[in-house]
Amino acid sequence: MSGGVTGNEIRDWCTTHIAAMLGRPAGDIDPDARFARRGLDSSTMINLIVAAEEWLGIEIDPDSIYEYRSVNALSDYLATLVDRR
């Protein structure tokens, strides 16, 4: 992936990816709702992390899904990792 991805782009990507996993429209995904509240389990979240690693070209600690529990929180965290790269 080329540099210059923004936090908003990461947020949009996460929202779209989660919506696809749930079979729902992206507009139904509340970016502040906890992942567990949306019905996402740890194995589903690992899928999200792996896909984000591939898209962003970074390594993401799998335990981050327990610390950053919403689209907004995870997106902000991923944006800091991209910035450090």
C-alpha atoms as a PDB file:
ATOM      1  CA  MET A   1       0.000   0.000   0.000  1.00  0.00           C
ATOM      2  CA  SER A   2       1.245   3.481  -0.724  1.00  0.00           C
ATOM      3  CA  GLY A   3       1.720   5.979   2.087  1.00  0.00           C
ATOM      4  CA  GLY A   4      -0.614   8.789   2.917  1.00  0.00           C
ATOM      5  CA  VAL A   5      -3.639   6.809   4.108  1.00  0.00           C
ATOM      6  CA  THR A   6      -5.689   8.863   6.538  1.00  0.00           C
ATOM      7  CA  GLY A   7      -7.455   7.909   9.725  1.00  0.00           C
ATOM      8  CA  ASN A   8     -10.782   8.538   7.984  1.00  0.00           C
ATOM      9  CA  GLU A   9      -9.831   6.168   5.163  1.00  0.00           C
ATOM     10  CA  ILE A  10      -8.918   3.508   7.725  1.00  0.00           C
ATOM     11  CA  ARG A  11     -12.229   4.104   9.526  1.00  0.00           C
ATOM     12  CA  ASP A  12     -14.164   3.778   6.256  1.00  0.00           C
ATOM     13  CA  TRP A  13     -12.269   0.618   5.339  1.00  0.00           C
ATOM     14  CA  CYS A  14     -12.920  -0.947   8.769  1.00  0.00           C
ATOM     15  CA  THR A  15     -16.611  -0.045   8.579  1.00  0.00           C
ATOM     16  CA  THR A  16     -16.958  -1.496   5.086  1.00  0.00           C
ATOM     17  CA  HIS A  17     -15.023  -4.651   6.002  1.00  0.00           C
ATOM     18  CA  ILE A  18     -17.083  -5.250   9.150  1.00  0.00           C
ATOM     19  CA  ALA A  19     -20.334  -4.602   7.292  1.00  0.00           C
ATOM     20  CA  ALA A  20     -19.323  -7.184   4.692  1.00  0.00           C
ATOM     21  CA  MET A  21     -18.494  -9.736   7.400  1.00  0.00           C
ATOM     22  CA  LEU A  22     -21.907  -9.158   8.980  1.00  0.00           C
ATOM     23  CA  GLY A  23     -23.799  -9.011   5.692  1.00  0.00           C
ATOM     24  CA  ARG A  24     -25.126  -5.549   6.530  1.00  0.00           C
ATOM     25  CA  PRO A  25     -24.946  -2.113   4.903  1.00  0.00           C
ATOM     26  CA  ALA A  26     -21.977  -0.035   6.029  1.00  0.00           C
ATOM     27  CA  GLY A  27     -24.390   2.668   7.190  1.00  0.00           C
ATOM     28  CA  ASP A  28     -25.690   0.267   9.858  1.00  0.00           C
ATOM     29  CA  ILE A  29     -22.278   0.110  11.558  1.00  0.00           C
ATOM     30  CA  ASP A  30     -21.993   2.500  14.503  1.00  0.00           C
ATOM     31  CA  PRO A  31     -18.279   3.414  14.681  1.00  0.00           C
ATOM     32  CA  ASP A  32     -18.525   3.919  18.454  1.00  0.00           C
ATOM     33  CA  ALA A  33     -20.280   0.619  19.240  1.00  0.00           C
ATOM     34  CA  ARG A  34     -18.155  -2.089  20.788  1.00  0.00           C
ATOM     35  CA  PHE A  35     -17.309  -4.929  18.448  1.00  0.00           C
ATOM     36  CA  ALA A  36     -18.863  -7.491  20.821  1.00  0.00           C
ATOM     37  CA  ARG A  37     -22.117  -5.531  20.694  1.00  0.00           C
ATOM     38  CA  ARG A  38     -22.126  -5.954  16.907  1.00  0.00           C
ATOM     39  CA  GLY A  39     -21.770  -9.727  17.325  1.00  0.00           C
ATOM     40  CA  LEU A  40     -18.118  -9.913  16.283  1.00  0.00           C
ATOM     41  CA  ASP A  41     -16.161 -12.631  18.066  1.00  0.00           C
ATOM     42  CA  SER A  42     -12.390 -12.890  18.432  1.00  0.00           C
ATOM     43  CA  SER A  43     -11.905 -15.084  15.356  1.00  0.00           C
ATOM     44  CA  THR A  44     -13.850 -12.620  13.198  1.00  0.00           C
ATOM     45  CA  MET A  45     -11.775  -9.776  14.604  1.00  0.00           C
ATOM     46  CA  ILE A  46      -8.557 -11.642  13.808  1.00  0.00           C
ATOM     47  CA  ASN A  47      -9.788 -11.783  10.199  1.00  0.00           C
ATOM     48  CA  LEU A  48     -10.181  -7.997  10.314  1.00  0.00           C
ATOM     49  CA  ILE A  49      -6.672  -7.566  11.754  1.00  0.00           C
ATOM     50  CA  VAL A  50      -5.085  -9.820   9.113  1.00  0.00           C
ATOM     51  CA  ALA A  51      -6.886  -7.997   6.305  1.00  0.00           C
ATOM     52  CA  ALA A  52      -5.837  -4.627   7.754  1.00  0.00           C
ATOM     53  CA  GLU A  53      -2.212  -5.800   7.983  1.00  0.00           C
ATOM     54  CA  GLU A  54      -2.261  -6.770   4.330  1.00  0.00           C
ATOM     55  CA  TRP A  55      -3.964  -3.546   3.235  1.00  0.00           C
ATOM     56  CA  LEU A  56      -1.830  -1.198   5.349  1.00  0.00           C
ATOM     57  CA  GLY A  57       1.450  -3.106   5.104  1.00  0.00           C
ATOM     58  CA  ILE A  58       1.995  -3.078   8.873  1.00  0.00           C
ATOM     59  CA  GLU A  59       2.077  -5.575  11.726  1.00  0.00           C
ATOM     60  CA  ILE A  60      -0.760  -5.316  14.214  1.00  0.00           C
ATOM     61  CA  ASP A  61      -0.699  -6.913  17.652  1.00  0.00           C
ATOM     62  CA  PRO A  62      -3.659  -9.333  17.677  1.00  0.00           C
ATOM     63  CA  ASP A  63      -4.362  -8.344  21.295  1.00  0.00           C
ATOM     64  CA  SER A  64      -5.194  -4.839  20.084  1.00  0.00           C
ATOM     65  CA  ILE A  65      -8.747  -6.046  19.421  1.00  0.00           C
ATOM     66  CA  TYR A  66      -9.206  -6.287  23.202  1.00  0.00           C
ATOM     67  CA  GLU A  67      -7.870  -2.796  23.848  1.00  0.00           C
ATOM     68  CA  TYR A  68      -9.422  -0.942  20.903  1.00  0.00           C
ATOM     69  CA  ARG A  69     -13.004  -2.186  20.949  1.00  0.00           C
ATOM     70  CA  SER A  70     -14.774  -0.049  18.367  1.00  0.00           C
ATOM     71  CA  VAL A  71     -14.230   1.038  14.781  1.00  0.00           C
ATOM     72  CA  ASN A  72     -13.243   4.531  15.921  1.00  0.00           C
ATOM     73  CA  ALA A  73     -10.812   3.312  18.579  1.00  0.00           C
ATOM     74  CA  LEU A  74      -9.204   0.694  16.323  1.00  0.00           C
ATOM     75  CA  SER A  75      -8.976   3.094  13.382  1.00  0.00           C
ATOM     76  CA  ASP A  76      -7.232   5.736  15.494  1.00  0.00           C
ATOM     77  CA  TYR A  77      -4.770   3.114  16.724  1.00  0.00           C
ATOM     78  CA  LEU A  78      -4.081   1.813  13.211  1.00  0.00           C
ATOM     79  CA  ALA A  79      -3.529   5.378  11.981  1.00  0.00           C
ATOM     80  CA  THR A  80      -0.780   5.825  14.599  1.00  0.00           C
ATOM     81  CA  LEU A  81       0.884   2.590  13.433  1.00  0.00           C
ATOM     82  CA  VAL A  82       0.763   3.773   9.812  1.00  0.00           C
ATOM     83  CA  ASP A  83       2.237   7.135  10.819  1.00  0.00           C
ATOM     84  CA  ARG A  84       5.159   5.393  12.567  1.00  0.00           C
ATOM     85  CA  ARG A  85       5.972   3.368   9.481  1.00  0.00           C
END
